[in-house]
Amino acid sequence: MTDVLLLGREIEHPSREYPDHVWRAMRLAYAMHYRTLLEFFHNGRGKLQPSAPPPRKRDMIVADVLPPGVPLGIEPTTAEKKRFRAADKLAAHLSRERTQYHAAKQEWGCLSDRRALRRRINALFGATPQAHSWFPTTAREL
């Protein structure tokens, strides 16, 4: 979570000039964090992609860190599901459609992406007091 907060901040307010290939790498990294964190915050891919299998036992999901019976309380929007699928296609494998995800109307790390993830991170920290000790670097970046 810390990395996505820091990367989003750097994309929004760059600390230096970057060549185009570095910008592309930063945006791709943001897309991968977006995808991974949405899976975490929604207990796997089920709410994001209904045909998806359940998460593997080794995958960490938000239910692992929330108190028993306490939901995160945030459902993915249609736009967030679409962004999740775009991130999935962008990174999962080479395809003929991959370029359309690089040239999406919204660049990865845009304001709506950052807000979607920050909303979930804040909800997690609000739902369980232990989050500050479990994720101390994230807590410092909030």
Protein backbone atom coordinates (compact mmCIF):
# COMPACT_ATOMS: atom_id res chain seq x y z
CA MET A 1 0.00 0.00 0.00
CA THR A 2 2.88 2.33 0.76
CA ASP A 3 4.32 1.92 -2.72
CA VAL A 4 1.08 2.86 -4.46
CA LEU A 5 0.70 5.96 -2.26
CA LEU A 6 4.27 7.07 -2.99
CA LEU A 7 4.07 6.23 -6.68
CA GLY A 8 0.75 8.06 -7.03
CA ARG A 9 2.27 11.10 -5.36
CA GLU A 10 5.27 11.00 -7.72
CA ILE A 11 3.01 10.68 -10.77
CA GLU A 12 0.90 13.61 -9.58
CA HIS A 13 3.85 15.84 -8.59
CA PRO A 14 7.05 14.55 -10.24
CA SER A 15 10.24 15.27 -8.32
CA ARG A 16 12.21 15.41 -11.59
CA GLU A 17 11.96 15.08 -15.36
CA TYR A 18 11.59 11.50 -16.56
CA PRO A 19 12.15 10.08 -20.05
CA ASP A 20 9.05 8.60 -21.70
CA HIS A 21 10.09 4.98 -21.07
CA VAL A 22 10.36 5.70 -17.32
CA TRP A 23 6.89 7.31 -17.31
CA ARG A 24 5.50 4.22 -19.03
CA ALA A 25 7.18 1.96 -16.47
CA MET A 26 5.81 4.05 -13.59
CA ARG A 27 2.29 3.92 -15.03
CA LEU A 28 2.54 0.18 -15.58
CA ALA A 29 3.75 -0.26 -11.99
CA TYR A 30 0.78 1.80 -10.79
CA ALA A 31 -1.61 -0.36 -12.82
CA MET A 32 -0.18 -3.51 -11.22
CA HIS A 33 -0.52 -2.07 -7.71
CA TYR A 34 -4.10 -1.03 -8.56
CA ARG A 35 -4.95 -4.54 -9.73
CA THR A 36 -3.30 -6.25 -6.74
CA LEU A 37 -4.86 -3.96 -4.16
CA LEU A 38 -8.36 -4.19 -5.62
CA GLU A 39 -8.09 -7.98 -5.38
CA PHE A 40 -6.92 -7.64 -1.77
CA PHE A 41 -9.63 -5.15 -0.75
CA HIS A 42 -12.43 -7.19 -2.38
CA ASN A 43 -11.35 -10.60 -1.06
CA GLY A 44 -10.23 -11.86 -4.46
CA ARG A 45 -11.49 -11.29 -7.95
CA GLY A 46 -15.10 -12.42 -7.47
CA LYS A 47 -16.67 -8.95 -7.13
CA LEU A 48 -14.43 -7.56 -9.86
CA GLN A 49 -14.73 -10.38 -12.36
CA PRO A 50 -17.65 -12.73 -11.58
CA SER A 51 -16.25 -15.70 -13.52
CA ALA A 52 -12.99 -15.65 -11.53
CA PRO A 53 -12.04 -18.53 -9.24
CA PRO A 54 -11.83 -17.89 -5.48
CA PRO A 55 -8.52 -16.61 -4.09
CA ARG A 56 -5.81 -19.15 -3.34
CA LYS A 57 -5.16 -19.90 0.32
CA ARG A 58 -1.74 -18.23 0.08
CA ASP A 59 -3.24 -14.96 -1.22
CA MET A 60 -3.72 -12.30 1.43
CA ILE A 61 -7.17 -10.71 1.39
CA VAL A 62 -8.73 -7.95 3.46
CA ALA A 63 -10.78 -10.48 5.44
CA ASP A 64 -7.44 -11.73 6.85
CA VAL A 65 -6.82 -8.40 8.59
CA LEU A 66 -10.31 -7.14 9.41
CA PRO A 67 -11.97 -8.18 12.67
CA PRO A 68 -14.26 -11.21 12.17
CA GLY A 69 -17.57 -10.24 10.61
CA VAL A 70 -16.48 -6.66 9.84
CA PRO A 71 -16.77 -5.85 6.13
CA LEU A 72 -14.69 -3.16 4.45
CA GLY A 73 -17.96 -1.56 3.37
CA ILE A 74 -16.89 -0.50 -0.12
CA GLU A 75 -18.19 -2.15 -3.27
CA PRO A 76 -16.37 -1.76 -6.58
CA THR A 77 -17.99 0.64 -9.03
CA THR A 78 -18.52 -0.22 -12.68
CA ALA A 79 -15.65 2.12 -13.58
CA GLU A 80 -13.34 0.44 -11.04
CA LYS A 81 -14.21 -3.00 -12.42
CA LYS A 82 -13.39 -1.75 -15.91
CA ARG A 83 -10.05 -0.33 -14.71
CA PHE A 84 -9.31 -3.64 -12.96
CA ARG A 85 -9.90 -5.58 -16.20
CA ALA A 86 -7.73 -3.09 -18.10
CA ALA A 87 -4.88 -3.50 -15.59
CA ASP A 88 -5.30 -7.26 -15.76
CA LYS A 89 -5.03 -7.28 -19.56
CA LEU A 90 -2.12 -4.85 -19.52
CA ALA A 91 0.04 -7.04 -17.32
CA ALA A 92 -1.27 -10.57 -17.60
CA HIS A 93 -0.02 -11.45 -21.06
CA LEU A 94 0.77 -10.10 -24.48
CA SER A 95 -2.33 -9.62 -26.53
CA ARG A 96 -3.52 -7.68 -29.56
CA GLU A 97 -5.64 -5.55 -27.22
CA ARG A 98 -2.73 -4.59 -24.95
CA THR A 99 -2.01 -1.29 -26.71
CA GLN A 100 -5.54 -0.05 -26.05
CA TYR A 101 -4.85 -0.37 -22.32
CA HIS A 102 -1.62 1.60 -22.63
CA ALA A 103 -3.44 4.34 -24.49
CA ALA A 104 -6.51 4.46 -22.26
CA LYS A 105 -8.32 7.77 -21.84
CA GLN A 106 -7.17 7.86 -18.23
CA GLU A 107 -3.50 7.37 -17.52
CA TRP A 108 -2.67 4.97 -14.69
CA GLY A 109 -2.23 6.82 -11.44
CA CYS A 110 -4.83 9.45 -12.38
CA LEU A 111 -6.85 11.19 -9.68
CA SER A 112 -9.75 8.70 -9.82
CA ASP A 113 -7.33 5.75 -9.43
CA ARG A 114 -5.62 7.40 -6.48
CA ARG A 115 -8.94 8.25 -4.82
CA ALA A 116 -10.28 4.70 -5.28
CA LEU A 117 -7.27 3.16 -3.55
CA ARG A 118 -6.93 5.80 -0.83
CA ARG A 119 -10.64 5.36 0.02
CA ARG A 120 -10.07 1.65 0.59
CA ILE A 121 -6.85 2.15 2.53
CA ASN A 122 -8.57 4.68 4.79
CA ALA A 123 -11.50 2.29 5.27
CA LEU A 124 -9.12 -0.49 6.30
CA PHE A 125 -7.34 1.75 8.80
CA GLY A 126 -10.71 2.90 10.13
CA ALA A 127 -12.05 -0.64 10.49
CA THR A 128 -9.19 -2.12 12.47
CA PRO A 129 -6.90 -0.34 14.93
CA GLN A 130 -4.18 -2.97 14.35
CA ALA A 131 -3.69 -1.69 10.80
CA HIS A 132 -1.32 0.98 12.13
CA SER A 133 0.99 -1.65 13.60
CA TRP A 134 0.58 -4.13 10.73
CA PHE A 135 1.22 -1.53 8.02
CA PRO A 136 3.39 1.13 9.73
CA THR A 137 4.93 2.58 6.56
CA THR A 138 1.48 2.96 5.01
CA ALA A 139 0.23 4.64 8.18
CA ARG A 140 3.06 7.18 7.93
CA GLU A 141 2.12 7.98 4.31
CA LEU A 142 -1.58 8.59 4.98
